[in-house]
Protein backbone atom coordinates (compact mmCIF):
# COMPACT_ATOMS: atom_id res chain seq x y z
CA MET A 1 -0.09 -0.04 0.13
CA ASN A 2 1.30 3.21 -0.96
CA HIS A 3 1.13 6.11 1.56
CA ILE A 4 1.77 10.02 0.76
CA VAL A 5 4.88 11.03 2.97
CA ASP A 6 5.33 14.73 3.61
CA CYS A 7 8.91 14.82 4.88
CA MET A 8 8.47 18.76 5.58
CA GLU A 9 5.67 18.08 7.69
CA ILE A 10 7.20 15.12 9.69
CA GLU A 11 10.39 17.21 10.52
CA ASN A 12 8.33 20.13 11.85
CA TYR A 13 6.79 17.65 13.92
CA VAL A 14 10.06 16.15 15.34
CA ASN A 15 11.05 19.65 16.07
CA SER A 16 8.06 19.95 18.59
CA ILE A 17 8.96 16.38 20.14
CA THR A 18 12.02 16.07 22.97
CA VAL A 19 13.23 12.79 23.76
CA GLN A 20 15.97 12.55 26.73
CA ALA A 21 17.69 9.32 27.14
CA HIS A 22 18.32 7.80 30.15
CA GLU A 23 20.91 5.08 31.15
CA ASN A 24 19.08 1.71 31.82
CA ALA A 25 15.54 3.54 31.66
CA GLU A 26 13.14 4.40 29.18
CA VAL A 27 13.24 7.86 27.70
CA THR A 28 11.40 10.83 28.67
CA VAL A 29 9.15 12.31 26.35
CA HIS A 30 7.60 15.88 26.04
CA ASN A 31 5.34 15.79 22.76
CA ASN A 32 3.89 19.48 21.80
CA THR A 33 2.13 17.97 18.65
CA ALA A 34 -0.97 16.09 18.02
CA LEU A 35 0.80 13.11 17.17
CA GLU A 36 -0.02 9.73 19.22
CA MET A 37 2.85 8.26 21.05
CA ILE A 38 2.28 4.47 20.42
CA GLY A 39 5.38 2.94 22.05
CA LYS A 40 8.45 4.27 23.79
CA GLY A 41 11.73 2.44 25.20
CA VAL A 42 15.32 3.12 26.09
CA HIS A 43 16.57 4.34 22.84
CA GLY A 44 13.40 6.28 21.73
CA ALA A 45 9.91 6.66 21.09
CA VAL A 46 7.57 6.11 18.44
CA PHE A 47 4.38 8.13 17.16
CA GLN A 48 1.92 7.64 14.46
CA VAL A 49 1.56 10.08 11.63
CA ASN A 50 -1.01 8.18 9.65
CA GLU A 51 -2.44 4.44 9.25
CA GLY A 52 0.98 3.57 7.06
CA VAL A 53 3.83 6.10 8.44
CA CYS A 54 5.31 6.23 12.06
CA VAL A 55 8.26 8.37 13.10
CA LYS A 56 10.77 6.94 15.95
CA VAL A 57 12.48 9.88 17.70
CA TYR A 58 15.66 9.03 19.19
CA GLY A 59 17.46 10.07 22.30
CA GLU A 60 21.03 10.24 20.96
CA GLU A 61 22.02 10.55 17.39
CA ASP A 62 24.14 7.94 17.28
CA VAL A 63 21.69 5.51 18.07
CA CYS A 64 19.73 6.85 15.34
CA SER A 65 22.53 6.39 12.74
CA ARG A 66 23.20 2.71 13.89
CA GLU A 67 19.08 2.16 13.41
CA LEU A 68 18.93 3.90 10.07
CA TYR A 69 21.98 2.05 8.63
CA ALA A 70 20.77 -1.08 9.39
CA LEU A 71 17.30 -0.30 8.05
CA ASN A 72 19.00 0.76 4.60
CA LEU A 73 21.01 -2.67 4.60
CA GLY A 74 17.20 -4.40 4.53
CA GLN A 75 15.28 -2.03 2.34
CA HIS A 76 15.43 -4.68 -0.76
CA THR A 77 13.70 -6.98 1.21
CA ASP A 78 10.43 -7.75 2.94
CA LEU A 79 11.77 -7.95 6.16
CA PHE A 80 12.18 -4.50 7.28
CA PRO A 81 10.13 -1.42 7.10
CA LYS A 82 10.12 1.06 4.53
CA VAL A 83 12.29 4.12 5.53
CA PHE A 84 10.55 7.03 4.19
CA CYS A 85 12.84 9.90 5.47
CA SER A 86 15.26 10.82 8.27
CA GLY A 87 17.28 13.33 10.13
CA ALA A 88 19.52 13.46 13.01
CA LYS A 89 17.76 12.04 15.68
CA TYR A 90 14.76 10.64 13.97
CA ILE A 91 13.75 8.03 11.39
CA ALA A 92 10.32 7.98 9.46
CA MET A 93 9.13 4.51 8.39
CA GLU A 94 6.22 2.05 7.24
CA MET A 95 3.76 1.15 10.02
CA VAL A 96 4.41 -2.58 11.02
CA TYR A 97 1.65 -4.09 12.10
CA GLY A 98 1.11 -7.84 13.42
CA ILE A 99 1.83 -9.23 16.81
CA ASP A 100 5.32 -9.70 18.33
CA LEU A 101 6.33 -13.32 18.30
CA ARG A 102 6.66 -13.20 22.00
CA GLU A 103 2.92 -12.88 22.57
CA TYR A 104 2.08 -14.96 19.25
CA LEU A 105 3.92 -17.61 21.08
CA GLN A 106 1.52 -17.66 24.00
CA SER A 107 -1.31 -18.45 21.92
CA GLN A 108 -0.09 -20.35 19.04
CA PRO A 109 2.48 -23.11 18.67
CA LEU A 110 5.81 -23.01 17.23
CA THR A 111 5.04 -24.63 13.70
CA LYS A 112 7.78 -26.20 11.39
CA ASN A 113 6.67 -23.54 9.04
CA LEU A 114 7.51 -20.58 11.31
CA SER A 115 10.49 -22.03 12.21
CA VAL A 116 11.48 -22.15 8.61
CA LYS A 117 10.70 -18.35 8.34
CA LEU A 118 12.99 -17.91 11.39
CA ILE A 119 15.87 -19.63 9.77
CA HIS A 120 15.28 -17.68 6.80
CA LEU A 121 15.17 -14.35 8.50
CA LEU A 122 18.55 -15.12 9.90
CA THR A 123 19.45 -16.17 6.30
CA THR A 124 18.51 -12.43 5.26
CA TYR A 125 20.54 -10.96 7.87
CA LYS A 126 23.84 -12.74 6.67
CA GLU A 127 23.01 -11.74 3.07
CA ILE A 128 22.45 -8.19 3.80
CA GLY A 129 25.75 -7.87 5.72
CA LEU A 130 24.30 -7.51 9.55
CA GLU A 131 26.92 -8.36 11.91
CA ARG A 132 24.79 -10.04 14.45
CA ILE A 133 23.02 -12.72 12.84
CA ASP A 134 20.46 -12.82 15.46
CA HIS A 135 17.45 -10.77 16.91
CA HIS A 136 15.07 -11.45 20.17
CA LYS A 137 11.66 -12.59 19.64
CA ARG A 138 10.08 -9.54 21.02
CA HIS A 139 11.12 -7.54 18.06
CA ILE A 140 10.02 -9.94 15.46
CA PHE A 141 6.32 -9.52 14.07
CA VAL A 142 4.18 -12.15 12.64
CA GLN A 143 1.96 -10.50 10.01
CA GLU A 144 -1.47 -11.62 9.22
CA ASP A 145 -0.33 -13.45 6.05
CA GLY A 146 2.20 -15.22 8.12
CA ASN A 147 5.15 -13.46 7.00
CA LEU A 148 7.54 -11.56 9.48
CA LYS A 149 8.56 -8.16 9.86
CA VAL A 150 11.64 -6.92 12.39
CA LEU A 151 11.99 -3.77 14.22
CA ASP A 152 15.06 -2.49 16.55
CA VAL A 153 17.57 -3.73 14.05
CA GLY A 154 20.28 -1.30 15.21
CA THR A 155 21.93 -3.50 17.38
CA THR A 156 22.95 -5.86 14.99
CA VAL A 157 25.59 -3.43 13.38
CA TRP A 158 28.66 -1.65 14.44
CA ARG A 159 29.78 -4.45 16.89
CA ASN A 160 33.24 -5.55 18.01
CA ARG A 161 32.28 -8.91 18.86
CA VAL A 162 29.41 -10.93 18.31
CA TYR A 163 27.99 -14.51 19.59
CA PRO A 164 28.61 -17.02 16.40
CA TYR A 165 25.04 -18.75 16.65
CA PRO A 166 21.64 -16.98 16.90
CA ARG A 167 22.11 -16.95 21.05
CA LYS A 168 19.83 -14.00 21.97
CA LEU A 169 16.71 -15.56 19.58
CA LEU A 170 17.30 -19.18 21.40
CA ASN A 171 17.45 -17.70 24.74
CA SER A 172 14.22 -15.40 24.31
CA LEU A 173 12.27 -18.42 22.97
CA GLY A 174 12.31 -20.04 26.42
CA ASN A 175 13.31 -23.86 27.20
CA GLN A 176 10.26 -25.40 25.32
CA TYR A 177 10.20 -23.45 22.26
CA GLN A 178 14.13 -23.58 22.04
CA GLU A 179 14.33 -27.30 22.07
CA MET A 180 11.25 -27.47 19.52
CA PHE A 181 13.10 -24.97 17.33
CA LEU A 182 16.44 -26.49 17.33
CA GLU A 183 14.46 -29.98 16.68
CA HIS A 184 13.11 -28.29 13.41
CA VAL A 185 16.78 -27.07 12.39
CA LYS A 186 18.05 -30.35 13.07
CA GLU A 187 15.40 -32.01 10.37
CA LEU A 188 15.34 -29.02 8.03
CA ALA A 189 19.13 -27.67 8.21
CA PRO A 190 21.19 -30.57 9.86
CA THR A 191 24.51 -29.22 8.85
CA LEU A 192 23.58 -25.66 10.34
CA TYR A 193 22.16 -27.39 13.67
CA ASP A 194 25.51 -29.17 14.04
CA GLU A 195 27.36 -25.96 13.96
CA TRP A 196 25.05 -24.36 16.33
CA GLN A 197 25.49 -26.98 18.73
CA LYS A 198 29.21 -27.17 18.53
CA TYR A 199 29.37 -23.49 19.25
CA ILE A 200 26.77 -23.97 22.26
CA GLN A 201 28.95 -26.37 23.71
CA MET A 202 31.92 -24.32 23.26
CA GLU A 203 30.30 -21.34 25.25
CA LYS A 204 29.42 -23.75 27.94
CA TYR A 205 32.97 -24.50 28.08
CA ALA A 206 34.27 -20.97 28.18
CA THR A 207 31.88 -20.48 31.16
CA VAL A 208 33.22 -23.46 32.73
CA LEU A 209 36.84 -22.39 31.84
CA HIS A 210 36.21 -18.56 33.25
CA GLU A 211 34.68 -20.24 36.50
CA LYS A 212 37.64 -22.41 37.25
CA TYR A 213 40.28 -19.73 36.34
CA PHE A 214 38.80 -17.23 38.84
CA SER A 215 38.14 -20.19 41.86
CA LYS A 216 41.45 -20.10 42.73
CA GLU A 217 42.32 -23.45 40.86
CA ASN A 218 45.31 -21.40 38.86
CA PHE A 219 43.58 -22.73 35.79
CA LYS A 220 45.47 -20.78 32.86
CA LEU A 221 43.78 -19.65 29.99
CA LYS A 222 46.57 -20.59 27.99
CA LYS A 223 45.49 -24.32 28.24
CA LEU A 224 42.29 -23.53 25.98
CA LYS A 225 44.65 -23.91 22.91
CA LYS A 226 45.54 -27.60 23.70
CA GLU A 227 41.88 -28.72 23.93
CA GLU A 228 41.94 -29.97 20.76
CA LYS A 229 38.35 -31.78 21.05
CA ILE A 230 36.99 -28.12 21.42
CA LEU A 231 39.00 -26.43 18.72
CA LEU A 232 39.07 -29.09 15.99
CA THR A 233 36.07 -28.02 14.23
CA GLY A 234 37.24 -28.93 10.85
CA LYS A 235 36.98 -25.23 9.59
CA LYS A 236 39.90 -22.94 10.31
CA GLU A 237 37.75 -19.64 10.66
CA TRP A 238 36.33 -21.19 13.78
CA ASP A 239 39.59 -20.82 15.64
CA SER A 240 39.41 -16.95 15.76
CA LYS A 241 35.25 -17.55 16.73
CA VAL A 242 36.51 -19.42 19.79
CA GLU A 243 38.65 -16.90 20.69
CA ASP A 244 35.67 -13.89 20.39
CA LEU A 245 33.35 -16.12 22.37
CA VAL A 246 35.79 -16.86 25.52
CA ARG A 247 36.54 -13.20 25.32
CA LYS A 248 32.96 -11.96 25.49
CA VAL A 249 31.95 -14.44 28.11
CA HIS A 250 34.87 -13.29 30.26
CA LYS A 251 34.24 -9.24 29.69
CA GLU A 252 30.27 -10.18 30.93
CA GLN A 253 31.42 -11.89 33.92
CA TRP A 254 34.42 -9.62 35.26
CA ILE A 255 32.04 -6.69 34.78
CA LYS A 256 29.37 -8.28 36.68
CA ALA A 257 31.62 -9.00 39.51
CA LEU A 258 32.52 -5.43 39.67
CA THR A 259 29.21 -4.21 39.51
CA ALA A 260 28.40 -6.40 42.08
CA ARG A 261 31.17 -4.64 44.60
CA GLY A 262 29.32 -1.40 44.29
CA VAL A 263 31.96 -0.13 41.31
CA ASP A 264 30.01 2.45 39.40
CA ILE A 265 29.54 1.41 35.98
CA GLU A 266 30.34 4.77 34.28
CA HIS A 267 34.03 4.33 36.04
CA VAL A 268 33.97 0.74 34.79
CA LYS A 269 33.65 1.53 31.25
CA ALA A 270 35.79 4.65 31.17
CA ASN A 271 38.71 2.46 32.60
CA ALA A 272 37.61 -0.97 31.16
CA LYS A 273 41.42 -1.89 30.22
CA GLU A 274 43.03 -1.09 33.40
CA LEU A 275 40.16 -2.36 35.65
CA GLU A 276 40.31 -5.84 33.39
CA ARG A 277 43.96 -5.96 33.96
CA GLU A 278 43.70 -5.60 37.80
CA TYR A 279 40.63 -8.19 38.18
CA ILE A 280 42.79 -10.59 36.22
CA TYR A 281 46.09 -10.34 38.05
CA GLY A 282 45.29 -8.63 41.26
CA LYS A 283 44.10 -12.24 42.40
CA ASP A 284 47.86 -13.37 42.53
CA LYS A 285 48.91 -10.11 44.26
CA LYS A 286 46.33 -9.63 47.16
CA ASP A 287 49.15 -8.66 49.75
CA LYS A 288 50.38 -5.64 47.74
CA LYS A 289 48.87 -2.34 48.19
CA GLY A 290 48.21 -0.09 45.46
CA SER A 291 45.82 -1.40 43.95
CA SER A 292 43.72 1.61 42.16
CA LEU A 293 40.85 -0.45 42.07
CA SER A 294 40.83 -1.06 45.94
CA ASN A 295 41.93 2.22 46.62
CA LYS A 296 39.15 4.10 44.93
CA GLU A 297 36.61 1.76 46.53
CA ASP A 298 37.88 2.49 50.07
CA LYS A 299 38.53 6.21 49.74
CA LYS A 300 35.24 7.33 48.13
CA LYS A 301 31.40 6.27 47.95
CA THR A 302 30.01 4.76 44.95
CA ARG A 303 29.27 7.39 42.43
CA ILE A 304 25.76 7.76 40.96
CA TYR A 305 25.31 9.54 37.62
CA THR A 306 22.24 11.22 36.85
CA SER A 307 21.20 13.45 33.83
CA SER A 308 21.55 16.47 35.89
CA SER A 309 24.92 15.58 37.38
CA LYS A 310 26.23 14.95 33.67
CA LYS A 311 24.57 18.81 32.63
CA LYS A 312 26.49 20.20 35.73
CA LYS A 313 29.86 18.58 34.47
CA GLN A 314 29.25 20.06 31.04
CA LYS A 315 28.54 23.79 32.24
CA LYS A 316 31.82 23.52 34.51
């Protein structure tokens, strides 16, 4: 269906809408237009322009740029909504109707036909050049005709490391549907199933490796290279993927450990390399004083950043 889109009118609307992003919380919205806000999240808010067009206004320009880049990669497919116009902090696009997969599976079964469409979704992601071949079920919409549409695809691009299998999709399906989906993949695409299973086992091994290393068993990471049963996958490129997988699990674990101690997340991000070195090598140097991490924790209280405090810093 074709819809008339007045990009100048949309830009005027956007100029009267303020969206403020917050850390780990939904955006704050001030809407001085007649447009109805039909949803909001961590990155932005969506307003309906007409039956076929909506505009998403973002809290940060870089998030908008990333989303626009990903959407443009998929414009020639039926999977992505059509983009009409955009600006520094907004994208006007086709309205996506239907029901998200999370809600759909509460009342409908995961059929073999639907599993085929999910595999095709992942195939499309690979073909158009997305970096993360994965998507959470809440961002996948089942249309009236049974076909799929996706939203919030910005997280699939501009990433340093990604999981080499659709981890987010599988985990979001829950145990029952995850097992059912994998059974469908095993039947329909056995080679793909075997590869995913190897990566799933690799991740489990990487998690155990991390736990052993930091449980004072002095388990060295170098031993990973000697574990031929894990690395003999038959394809040379798998070696680099294993390394990426281990690093990603490790990073998640030590960041969780630091934040659990009360270390400010902004401080962790700003000093990631230094803190990572101290977290790894500081285990064997407990008797030495001078750890910047422990000194900082002892000398001052945990800092809490708010949007107002950030503004004060900027003014200074």
